[in-house]
C-alpha cells in the first residue's frame, strides 16, 4: 500500500538554514516521481527497499544511480530528475526540502555535486543519527519552529561528517571566512543604503571576484542576498509592530516607498500592506 506523510514548514525567515517541506513515503512497486525540478535542495534517505534516480549533471546529461536501503540521494535546485521505486523491493524513504546561506557550502564539504548526488557512508552510527534527526522532524511536525530547525542543523552536521566523499580544503575555508564577513557586514548595515561595491570594499576584495565567490558559496548573488535579508527584517516588523509601512521601508534601507514595495513583492509575492493585513 502506498503511504505518504507530508508537511510544509510554516516559516521561511531562517536565513542560514531553512526548512520548506518534509515527509515520509512508502512506495508501491514502480512508483515514480518526475521528471521535475525543485526550487530548493531535496534529500531522500532510503529506510527500506531500493530504487533508481535519474538526474541531470552540470552539463545536462542524464545519469542513472541505483540507491539501496541505508543510502540517500540529493536533488539540486533546478536539476531535472526522476526517481522510481524498484519493482520487486520498492523503497520507503524520508525526505527534507531545505535551503539557506550555508547550505551550498555544507553540501560541497560533504562531497555532493550534480555528478555525485548519492549519499553513502562507512560510519553507521552517524548514519543512524542522520536518519533519526530526519524522522524527528517528520514525526513531530507540530513542534516549535526552533526545535525543527535545531533538528535540521543536526541533520546537516551528520550529513557533512558521515558522507564518504566529505572533505574541505584551504581555499574553501578562506572563501567561507569572506562569506562570514560579508554576512556580518550586511547584518550590521542593512538599514543603510549600502551597495555590493561597499561590501566588497569592506572585505578588501575586487567586486567581481566577491560576487563570484559569494554566488559559489551560497547559490545567490550578493544583491539577492541583501534584498532577501532586508525583506526578512521588514516582514518581522510588519508582523510584530504597528510601525507605518513607509517607516519600515526606511528602516531596512529603502528611502523610496515604491522601491521597497516592489522588492518586498519580489521576495514574498504580495505587497507589504497585504502581508500585514493577512497577519492581523
C-alpha atoms as a PDB file:
ATOM      1  CA  UNK A   1       0.000   0.000   0.000  1.00  0.00           C
ATOM      2  CA  UNK A   2       1.272   3.457  -0.922  1.00  0.00           C
ATOM      3  CA  UNK A   3       1.559   5.721   2.135  1.00  0.00           C
ATOM      4  CA  UNK A   4       2.649   9.362   2.296  1.00  0.00           C
ATOM      5  CA  UNK A   5       3.180  11.642   5.276  1.00  0.00           C
ATOM      6  CA  UNK A   6       3.796  15.222   4.165  1.00  0.00           C
ATOM      7  CA  UNK A   7       4.177  18.605   5.906  1.00  0.00           C
ATOM      8  CA  UNK A   8       5.052  22.192   4.981  1.00  0.00           C
ATOM      9  CA  UNK A   9       7.243  24.262   7.305  1.00  0.00           C
ATOM     10  CA  UNK A  10       5.350  27.482   8.176  1.00  0.00           C
ATOM     11  CA  UNK A  11       8.239  29.934   8.442  1.00  0.00           C
ATOM     12  CA  UNK A  12      10.777  30.907   5.764  1.00  0.00           C
ATOM     13  CA  UNK A  13      12.598  33.550   7.832  1.00  0.00           C
ATOM     14  CA  UNK A  14      15.653  31.415   8.690  1.00  0.00           C
ATOM     15  CA  UNK A  15      18.493  32.803   6.579  1.00  0.00           C
ATOM     16  CA  UNK A  16      21.423  30.439   7.192  1.00  0.00           C
ATOM     17  CA  UNK A  17      19.437  27.208   7.042  1.00  0.00           C
ATOM     18  CA  UNK A  18      15.725  26.990   6.291  1.00  0.00           C
ATOM     19  CA  UNK A  19      13.209  24.159   6.043  1.00  0.00           C
ATOM     20  CA  UNK A  20      10.469  24.080   3.406  1.00  0.00           C
ATOM     21  CA  UNK A  21       8.807  20.666   3.241  1.00  0.00           C
ATOM     22  CA  UNK A  22       9.361  17.211   4.694  1.00  0.00           C
ATOM     23  CA  UNK A  23       7.766  13.802   4.656  1.00  0.00           C
ATOM     24  CA  UNK A  24       7.844  10.021   4.765  1.00  0.00           C
ATOM     25  CA  UNK A  25       6.717   7.815   1.893  1.00  0.00           C
ATOM     26  CA  UNK A  26       6.216   4.076   1.436  1.00  0.00           C
ATOM     27  CA  UNK A  27       6.047   3.472  -2.305  1.00  0.00           C
ATOM     28  CA  UNK A  28       4.300   0.856  -4.375  1.00  0.00           C
ATOM     29  CA  UNK A  29       6.297  -1.143  -6.913  1.00  0.00           C
ATOM     30  CA  UNK A  30       7.317   1.010  -9.859  1.00  0.00           C
ATOM     31  CA  UNK A  31       6.000   4.245  -8.322  1.00  0.00           C
ATOM     32  CA  UNK A  32       7.788   7.211  -9.923  1.00  0.00           C
ATOM     33  CA  UNK A  33       8.078  10.948  -9.457  1.00  0.00           C
ATOM     34  CA  UNK A  34       9.190  13.264 -12.256  1.00  0.00           C
ATOM     35  CA  UNK A  35      10.656  14.435 -14.440  1.00  0.00           C
ATOM     36  CA  UNK A  36      10.589  17.551 -12.278  1.00  0.00           C
ATOM     37  CA  UNK A  37      12.649  20.476 -11.000  1.00  0.00           C
ATOM     38  CA  UNK A  38      12.842  21.754  -7.408  1.00  0.00           C
ATOM     39  CA  UNK A  39      13.376  25.284  -6.143  1.00  0.00           C
ATOM     40  CA  UNK A  40      15.484  24.099  -3.207  1.00  0.00           C
ATOM     41  CA  UNK A  41      17.687  21.197  -2.134  1.00  0.00           C
ATOM     42  CA  UNK A  42      15.852  17.914  -1.525  1.00  0.00           C
ATOM     43  CA  UNK A  43      17.444  14.990   0.330  1.00  0.00           C
ATOM     44  CA  UNK A  44      15.952  11.485   0.487  1.00  0.00           C
ATOM     45  CA  UNK A  45      17.168   8.801   2.885  1.00  0.00           C
ATOM     46  CA  UNK A  46      16.142   5.251   1.970  1.00  0.00           C
ATOM     47  CA  UNK A  47      14.934   3.380   5.058  1.00  0.00           C
ATOM     48  CA  UNK A  48      13.954   0.155   3.294  1.00  0.00           C
ATOM     49  CA  UNK A  49      13.972  -1.214  -0.234  1.00  0.00           C
ATOM     50  CA  UNK A  50      15.624   0.254  -3.295  1.00  0.00           C
ATOM     51  CA  UNK A  51      15.038   2.327  -6.415  1.00  0.00           C
ATOM     52  CA  UNK A  52      16.670   4.299  -9.199  1.00  0.00           C
ATOM     53  CA  UNK A  53      17.446   8.012  -9.533  1.00  0.00           C
ATOM     54  CA  UNK A  54      17.751   9.633 -12.960  1.00  0.00           C
ATOM     55  CA  UNK A  55      19.355  13.078 -12.587  1.00  0.00           C
ATOM     56  CA  UNK A  56      20.920  15.618 -14.945  1.00  0.00           C
ATOM     57  CA  UNK A  57      24.510  16.630 -14.282  1.00  0.00           C
ATOM     58  CA  UNK A  58      26.048  20.085 -14.726  1.00  0.00           C
ATOM     59  CA  UNK A  59      26.215  19.598 -18.493  1.00  0.00           C
ATOM     60  CA  UNK A  60      22.616  18.434 -18.916  1.00  0.00           C
ATOM     61  CA  UNK A  61      23.484  14.748 -19.332  1.00  0.00           C
ATOM     62  CA  UNK A  62      21.149  12.342 -17.537  1.00  0.00           C
ATOM     63  CA  UNK A  63      22.913   9.878 -15.218  1.00  0.00           C
ATOM     64  CA  UNK A  64      21.439   6.757 -13.599  1.00  0.00           C
ATOM     65  CA  UNK A  65      22.043   5.844  -9.954  1.00  0.00           C
ATOM     66  CA  UNK A  66      20.869   2.741  -8.078  1.00  0.00           C
ATOM     67  CA  UNK A  67      20.041   3.591  -4.472  1.00  0.00           C
ATOM     68  CA  UNK A  68      19.581   0.996  -1.709  1.00  0.00           C
ATOM     69  CA  UNK A  69      18.474   0.878   1.916  1.00  0.00           C
ATOM     70  CA  UNK A  70      20.866   2.842   4.146  1.00  0.00           C
ATOM     71  CA  UNK A  71      21.779   5.208   1.313  1.00  0.00           C
ATOM     72  CA  UNK A  72      20.346   8.535   0.181  1.00  0.00           C
ATOM     73  CA  UNK A  73      20.245  10.936  -2.720  1.00  0.00           C
ATOM     74  CA  UNK A  74      20.356  14.701  -3.080  1.00  0.00           C
ATOM     75  CA  UNK A  75      18.419  16.691  -5.673  1.00  0.00           C
ATOM     76  CA  UNK A  76      19.796  20.138  -6.517  1.00  0.00           C
ATOM     77  CA  UNK A  77      17.745  23.281  -7.238  1.00  0.00           C
ATOM     78  CA  UNK A  78      16.621  23.440 -10.891  1.00  0.00           C
ATOM     79  CA  UNK A  79      18.058  19.977 -11.590  1.00  0.00           C
ATOM     80  CA  UNK A  80      15.834  17.802 -13.796  1.00  0.00           C
ATOM     81  CA  UNK A  81      15.290  14.472 -12.041  1.00  0.00           C
ATOM     82  CA  UNK A  82      13.091  11.386 -11.891  1.00  0.00           C
ATOM     83  CA  UNK A  83      13.134   8.631  -9.290  1.00  0.00           C
ATOM     84  CA  UNK A  84      11.466   5.236  -9.479  1.00  0.00           C
ATOM     85  CA  UNK A  85      10.746   2.552  -6.871  1.00  0.00           C
ATOM     86  CA  UNK A  86      12.049  -0.945  -7.588  1.00  0.00           C
ATOM     87  CA  UNK A  87       9.509  -3.422  -8.957  1.00  0.00           C
ATOM     88  CA  UNK A  88      10.362  -6.248  -6.539  1.00  0.00           C
ATOM     89  CA  UNK A  89      11.540  -4.335  -3.453  1.00  0.00           C
ATOM     90  CA  UNK A  90      10.098  -0.782  -3.586  1.00  0.00           C
ATOM     91  CA  UNK A  91      11.634   1.766  -1.313  1.00  0.00           C
ATOM     92  CA  UNK A  92      10.434   3.583   1.771  1.00  0.00           C
ATOM     93  CA  UNK A  93      12.173   6.901   2.299  1.00  0.00           C
ATOM     94  CA  UNK A  94      12.062  10.030   4.411  1.00  0.00           C
ATOM     95  CA  UNK A  95      12.870  13.394   2.868  1.00  0.00           C
ATOM     96  CA  UNK A  96      13.613  17.025   3.654  1.00  0.00           C
ATOM     97  CA  UNK A  97      13.478  20.075   1.380  1.00  0.00           C
ATOM     98  CA  UNK A  98      15.815  22.795   2.655  1.00  0.00           C
ATOM     99  CA  UNK A  99      17.958  25.747   1.629  1.00  0.00           C
ATOM    100  CA  UNK A 100      19.854  28.698   3.064  1.00  0.00           C
ATOM    101  CA  UNK A 101      23.016  30.739   3.014  1.00  0.00           C
ATOM    102  CA  UNK A 102      25.199  27.945   4.430  1.00  0.00           C
ATOM    103  CA  UNK A 103      23.709  25.038   2.522  1.00  0.00           C
ATOM    104  CA  UNK A 104      25.643  25.088  -0.741  1.00  0.00           C
ATOM    105  CA  UNK A 105      28.982  25.183   1.036  1.00  0.00           C
ATOM    106  CA  UNK A 106      27.984  22.473   3.536  1.00  0.00           C
ATOM    107  CA  UNK A 107      26.954  20.147   0.718  1.00  0.00           C
ATOM    108  CA  UNK A 108      30.226  20.814  -1.097  1.00  0.00           C
ATOM    109  CA  UNK A 109      32.054  19.864   2.102  1.00  0.00           C
ATOM    110  CA  UNK A 110      30.003  16.661   2.191  1.00  0.00           C
ATOM    111  CA  UNK A 111      31.171  15.903  -1.357  1.00  0.00           C
ATOM    112  CA  UNK A 112      27.842  16.294  -3.156  1.00  0.00           C
ATOM    113  CA  UNK A 113      27.528  17.591  -6.704  1.00  0.00           C
ATOM    114  CA  UNK A 114      25.107  17.075  -9.615  1.00  0.00           C
ATOM    115  CA  UNK A 115      27.603  14.467 -10.837  1.00  0.00           C
ATOM    116  CA  UNK A 116      27.763  12.786  -7.411  1.00  0.00           C
ATOM    117  CA  UNK A 117      24.351  13.058  -5.680  1.00  0.00           C
ATOM    118  CA  UNK A 118      24.417   9.757  -3.765  1.00  0.00           C
ATOM    119  CA  UNK A 119      24.885   9.534  -0.003  1.00  0.00           C
ATOM    120  CA  UNK A 120      26.868   6.552   1.246  1.00  0.00           C
ATOM    121  CA  UNK A 121      28.837   6.159   4.448  1.00  0.00           C
ATOM    122  CA  UNK A 122      31.138   3.811   6.310  1.00  0.00           C
ATOM    123  CA  UNK A 123      30.016   5.322   9.625  1.00  0.00           C
ATOM    124  CA  UNK A 124      26.789   3.501  10.585  1.00  0.00           C
ATOM    125  CA  UNK A 125      26.434   5.305  13.923  1.00  0.00           C
ATOM    126  CA  UNK A 126      26.345   8.729  12.262  1.00  0.00           C
ATOM    127  CA  UNK A 127      24.096   7.387   9.501  1.00  0.00           C
ATOM    128  CA  UNK A 128      21.600   6.248  12.133  1.00  0.00           C
ATOM    129  CA  UNK A 129      21.726   9.634  13.830  1.00  0.00           C
ATOM    130  CA  UNK A 130      21.156  11.357  10.470  1.00  0.00           C
ATOM    131  CA  UNK A 131      18.072   9.207   9.855  1.00  0.00           C
ATOM    132  CA  UNK A 132      16.755   9.842  13.371  1.00  0.00           C
ATOM    133  CA  UNK A 133      17.086  13.624  13.002  1.00  0.00           C
ATOM    134  CA  UNK A 134      15.077  13.442   9.776  1.00  0.00           C
ATOM    135  CA  UNK A 135      12.381  11.329  11.449  1.00  0.00           C
ATOM    136  CA  UNK A 136      12.272  13.692  14.438  1.00  0.00           C
ATOM    137  CA  UNK A 137      11.276  16.467  12.016  1.00  0.00           C
ATOM    138  CA  UNK A 138       8.762  14.350  10.096  1.00  0.00           C
ATOM    139  CA  UNK A 139       7.081  12.788  13.130  1.00  0.00           C
ATOM    140  CA  UNK A 140       6.924  15.980  15.215  1.00  0.00           C
ATOM    141  CA  UNK A 141       5.579  18.478  12.692  1.00  0.00           C
ATOM    142  CA  UNK A 142       3.668  20.310  15.444  1.00  0.00           C
ATOM    143  CA  UNK A 143       6.860  21.050  17.381  1.00  0.00           C
ATOM    144  CA  UNK A 144       8.110  24.627  17.615  1.00  0.00           C
ATOM    145  CA  UNK A 145       9.849  26.113  14.594  1.00  0.00           C
ATOM    146  CA  UNK A 146      13.107  26.475  16.525  1.00  0.00           C
ATOM    147  CA  UNK A 147      13.010  22.826  17.572  1.00  0.00           C
ATOM    148  CA  UNK A 148      12.531  21.693  13.975  1.00  0.00           C
ATOM    149  CA  UNK A 149      15.327  23.969  12.731  1.00  0.00           C
ATOM    150  CA  UNK A 150      17.536  22.578  15.511  1.00  0.00           C
ATOM    151  CA  UNK A 151      16.988  19.054  14.193  1.00  0.00           C
ATOM    152  CA  UNK A 152      17.736  20.327  10.675  1.00  0.00           C
ATOM    153  CA  UNK A 153      21.103  21.700  11.851  1.00  0.00           C
ATOM    154  CA  UNK A 154      21.908  18.333  13.438  1.00  0.00           C
ATOM    155  CA  UNK A 155      20.927  16.551  10.223  1.00  0.00           C
ATOM    156  CA  UNK A 156      23.304  18.735   8.182  1.00  0.00           C
ATOM    157  CA  UNK A 157      26.071  18.145  10.738  1.00  0.00           C
ATOM    158  CA  UNK A 158      25.716  14.355  10.500  1.00  0.00           C
ATOM    159  CA  UNK A 159      25.467  14.563   6.722  1.00  0.00           C
ATOM    160  CA  UNK A 160      28.707  16.523   6.332  1.00  0.00           C
ATOM    161  CA  UNK A 161      30.566  14.375   8.863  1.00  0.00           C
ATOM    162  CA  UNK A 162      29.493  10.972   7.620  1.00  0.00           C
ATOM    163  CA  UNK A 163      29.348  11.211   3.799  1.00  0.00           C
ATOM    164  CA  UNK A 164      32.030   9.098   2.117  1.00  0.00           C
ATOM    165  CA  UNK A 165      33.160  11.980  -0.082  1.00  0.00           C
ATOM    166  CA  UNK A 166      33.332  14.565   2.706  1.00  0.00           C
ATOM    167  CA  UNK A 167      36.358  16.851   2.737  1.00  0.00           C
ATOM    168  CA  UNK A 168      37.405  20.514   2.844  1.00  0.00           C
ATOM    169  CA  UNK A 169      40.418  22.400   1.536  1.00  0.00           C
ATOM    170  CA  UNK A 170      42.183  25.630   2.420  1.00  0.00           C
ATOM    171  CA  UNK A 171      40.592  27.557  -0.435  1.00  0.00           C
ATOM    172  CA  UNK A 172      37.122  26.656   0.812  1.00  0.00           C
ATOM    173  CA  UNK A 173      37.990  27.746   4.355  1.00  0.00           C
ATOM    174  CA  UNK A 174      39.300  31.103   3.120  1.00  0.00           C
ATOM    175  CA  UNK A 175      36.234  31.613   0.948  1.00  0.00           C
ATOM    176  CA  UNK A 176      33.955  30.789   3.880  1.00  0.00           C
ATOM    177  CA  UNK A 177      35.705  33.392   6.042  1.00  0.00           C
ATOM    178  CA  UNK A 178      34.982  36.036   3.393  1.00  0.00           C
ATOM    179  CA  UNK A 179      31.333  34.999   3.286  1.00  0.00           C
ATOM    180  CA  UNK A 180      31.043  35.216   7.081  1.00  0.00           C
ATOM    181  CA  UNK A 181      32.500  38.734   6.974  1.00  0.00           C
ATOM    182  CA  UNK A 182      30.107  39.732   4.188  1.00  0.00           C
ATOM    183  CA  UNK A 183      27.094  38.416   6.108  1.00  0.00           C
ATOM    184  CA  UNK A 184      28.227  40.232   9.256  1.00  0.00           C
ATOM    185  CA  UNK A 185      28.566  43.453   7.247  1.00  0.00           C
ATOM    186  CA  UNK A 186      25.016  43.068   5.915  1.00  0.00           C
ATOM    187  CA  UNK A 187      23.659  42.306   9.390  1.00  0.00           C
ATOM    188  CA  UNK A 188      25.260  45.464  10.798  1.00  0.00           C
ATOM    189  CA  UNK A 189      24.487  47.800   7.893  1.00  0.00           C
ATOM    190  CA  UNK A 190      21.329  46.611   6.106  1.00  0.00           C
ATOM    191  CA  UNK A 191      19.437  49.681   7.423  1.00  0.00           C
ATOM    192  CA  UNK A 192      21.724  51.939   5.375  1.00  0.00           C
ATOM    193  CA  UNK A 193      21.772  52.457   1.627  1.00  0.00           C
ATOM    194  CA  UNK A 194      24.693  50.060   1.179  1.00  0.00           C
ATOM    195  CA  UNK A 195      25.789  48.558  -2.143  1.00  0.00           C
ATOM    196  CA  UNK A 196      27.572  45.375  -3.165  1.00  0.00           C
ATOM    197  CA  UNK A 197      30.545  47.564  -4.108  1.00  0.00           C
ATOM    198  CA  UNK A 198      30.749  48.805  -0.498  1.00  0.00           C
ATOM    199  CA  UNK A 199      30.600  45.259   0.892  1.00  0.00           C
ATOM    200  CA  UNK A 200      33.432  44.152  -1.418  1.00  0.00           C
ATOM    201  CA  UNK A 201      35.484  47.219  -0.438  1.00  0.00           C
ATOM    202  CA  UNK A 202      34.971  46.467   3.267  1.00  0.00           C
ATOM    203  CA  UNK A 203      36.347  42.959   2.623  1.00  0.00           C
ATOM    204  CA  UNK A 204      39.211  44.411   0.514  1.00  0.00           C
ATOM    205  CA  UNK A 205      38.101  42.311  -2.454  1.00  0.00           C
ATOM    206  CA  UNK A 206      37.539  43.081  -6.120  1.00  0.00           C
ATOM    207  CA  UNK A 207      33.795  43.448  -6.713  1.00  0.00           C
ATOM    208  CA  UNK A 208      33.578  40.857  -9.494  1.00  0.00           C
ATOM    209  CA  UNK A 209      35.651  38.340  -7.513  1.00  0.00           C
ATOM    210  CA  UNK A 210      33.491  38.916  -4.437  1.00  0.00           C
ATOM    211  CA  UNK A 211      30.316  38.380  -6.470  1.00  0.00           C
ATOM    212  CA  UNK A 212      31.743  35.151  -7.890  1.00  0.00           C
ATOM    213  CA  UNK A 213      32.766  33.564  -4.574  1.00  0.00           C
ATOM    214  CA  UNK A 214      29.540  34.700  -2.876  1.00  0.00           C
ATOM    215  CA  UNK A 215      27.438  33.008  -5.540  1.00  0.00           C
ATOM    216  CA  UNK A 216      29.611  29.882  -5.427  1.00  0.00           C
ATOM    217  CA  UNK A 217      29.254  29.649  -1.657  1.00  0.00           C
ATOM    218  CA  UNK A 218      25.558  30.491  -1.320  1.00  0.00           C
ATOM    219  CA  UNK A 219      23.944  29.948  -4.703  1.00  0.00           C
ATOM    220  CA  UNK A 220      22.715  33.556  -4.615  1.00  0.00           C
ATOM    221  CA  UNK A 221      24.126  36.841  -5.853  1.00  0.00           C
ATOM    222  CA  UNK A 222      25.132  39.397  -3.186  1.00  0.00           C
ATOM    223  CA  UNK A 223      22.337  41.684  -4.434  1.00  0.00           C
ATOM    224  CA  UNK A 224      19.741  38.943  -3.980  1.00  0.00           C
ATOM    225  CA  UNK A 225      21.015  38.042  -0.520  1.00  0.00           C
ATOM    226  CA  UNK A 226      20.943  41.678   0.601  1.00  0.00           C
ATOM    227  CA  UNK A 227      17.372  42.078  -0.663  1.00  0.00           C
ATOM    228  CA  UNK A 228      16.344  38.790   0.979  1.00  0.00           C
ATOM    229  CA  UNK A 229      17.822  39.819   4.317  1.00  0.00           C
ATOM    230  CA  UNK A 230      16.174  43.243   4.263  1.00  0.00           C
ATOM    231  CA  UNK A 231      12.779  41.779   3.394  1.00  0.00           C
ATOM    232  CA  UNK A 232      13.012  39.196   6.194  1.00  0.00           C
ATOM    233  CA  UNK A 233      13.590  42.062   8.645  1.00  0.00           C
ATOM    234  CA  UNK A 234      10.752  44.043   7.049  1.00  0.00           C
ATOM    235  CA  UNK A 235       8.381  41.053   7.338  1.00  0.00           C
ATOM    236  CA  UNK A 236       9.211  40.746  11.049  1.00  0.00           C
ATOM    237  CA  UNK A 237       8.438  44.437  11.635  1.00  0.00           C
ATOM    238  CA  UNK A 238       5.193  44.211   9.641  1.00  0.00           C
ATOM    239  CA  UNK A 239       4.090  41.230  11.708  1.00  0.00           C
ATOM    240  CA  UNK A 240       5.263  42.236  15.175  1.00  0.00           C
ATOM    241  CA  UNK A 241       4.806  46.038  15.210  1.00  0.00           C
ATOM    242  CA  UNK A 242       2.376  48.729  14.103  1.00  0.00           C
ATOM    243  CA  UNK A 243       5.133  50.875  12.619  1.00  0.00           C
ATOM    244  CA  UNK A 244       3.936  52.646   9.443  1.00  0.00           C
ATOM    245  CA  UNK A 245       4.962  50.824   6.292  1.00  0.00           C
ATOM    246  CA  UNK A 246       6.829  53.861   4.965  1.00  0.00           C
ATOM    247  CA  UNK A 247       8.982  53.912   8.130  1.00  0.00           C
ATOM    248  CA  UNK A 248       9.649  50.175   7.871  1.00  0.00           C
ATOM    249  CA  UNK A 249      10.914  50.688   4.333  1.00  0.00           C
ATOM    250  CA  UNK A 250      13.353  53.342   5.504  1.00  0.00           C
ATOM    251  CA  UNK A 251      14.461  51.168   8.446  1.00  0.00           C
ATOM    252  CA  UNK A 252      15.572  48.398   6.076  1.00  0.00           C
ATOM    253  CA  UNK A 253      17.433  50.694   3.673  1.00  0.00           C
ATOM    254  CA  UNK A 254      14.723  51.850   1.245  1.00  0.00           C
ATOM    255  CA  UNK A 255      14.107  55.602   1.143  1.00  0.00           C
ATOM    256  CA  UNK A 256      11.765  55.148  -1.818  1.00  0.00           C
ATOM    257  CA  UNK A 257       8.451  53.541  -0.798  1.00  0.00           C
ATOM    258  CA  UNK A 258       7.764  52.235  -4.294  1.00  0.00           C
ATOM    259  CA  UNK A 259      11.158  50.518  -4.470  1.00  0.00           C
ATOM    260  CA  UNK A 260      10.532  48.947  -1.053  1.00  0.00           C
ATOM    261  CA  UNK A 261       7.104  47.591  -2.065  1.00  0.00           C
ATOM    262  CA  UNK A 262       8.499  46.225  -5.316  1.00  0.00           C
ATOM    263  CA  UNK A 263      11.367  44.455  -3.506  1.00  0.00           C
ATOM    264  CA  UNK A 264       9.006  43.016  -0.881  1.00  0.00           C
ATOM    265  CA  UNK A 265       6.671  41.656  -3.557  1.00  0.00           C
ATOM    266  CA  UNK A 266       9.655  40.141  -5.404  1.00  0.00           C
ATOM    267  CA  UNK A 267      10.531  38.090  -2.315  1.00  0.00           C
ATOM    268  CA  UNK A 268       7.092  37.288  -0.841  1.00  0.00           C
ATOM    269  CA  UNK A 269       4.747  37.604  -3.810  1.00  0.00           C
ATOM    270  CA  UNK A 270       2.471  40.131  -2.077  1.00  0.00           C
ATOM    271  CA  UNK A 271       2.726  43.778  -1.053  1.00  0.00           C
ATOM    272  CA  UNK A 272       3.779  44.838   2.470  1.00  0.00           C
ATOM    273  CA  UNK A 273       0.201  46.034   3.113  1.00  0.00           C
ATOM    274  CA  UNK A 274      -1.271  42.666   2.125  1.00  0.00           C
ATOM    275  CA  UNK A 275       1.312  40.871   4.280  1.00  0.00           C
ATOM    276  CA  UNK A 276       0.331  42.900   7.354  1.00  0.00           C
ATOM    277  CA  UNK A 277      -3.399  42.520   6.688  1.00  0.00           C
ATOM    278  CA  UNK A 278      -3.139  38.724   6.487  1.00  0.00           C
ATOM    279  CA  UNK A 279      -1.331  38.566   9.826  1.00  0.00           C
ATOM    280  CA  UNK A 280      -3.522  40.883  11.888  1.00  0.00           C
END
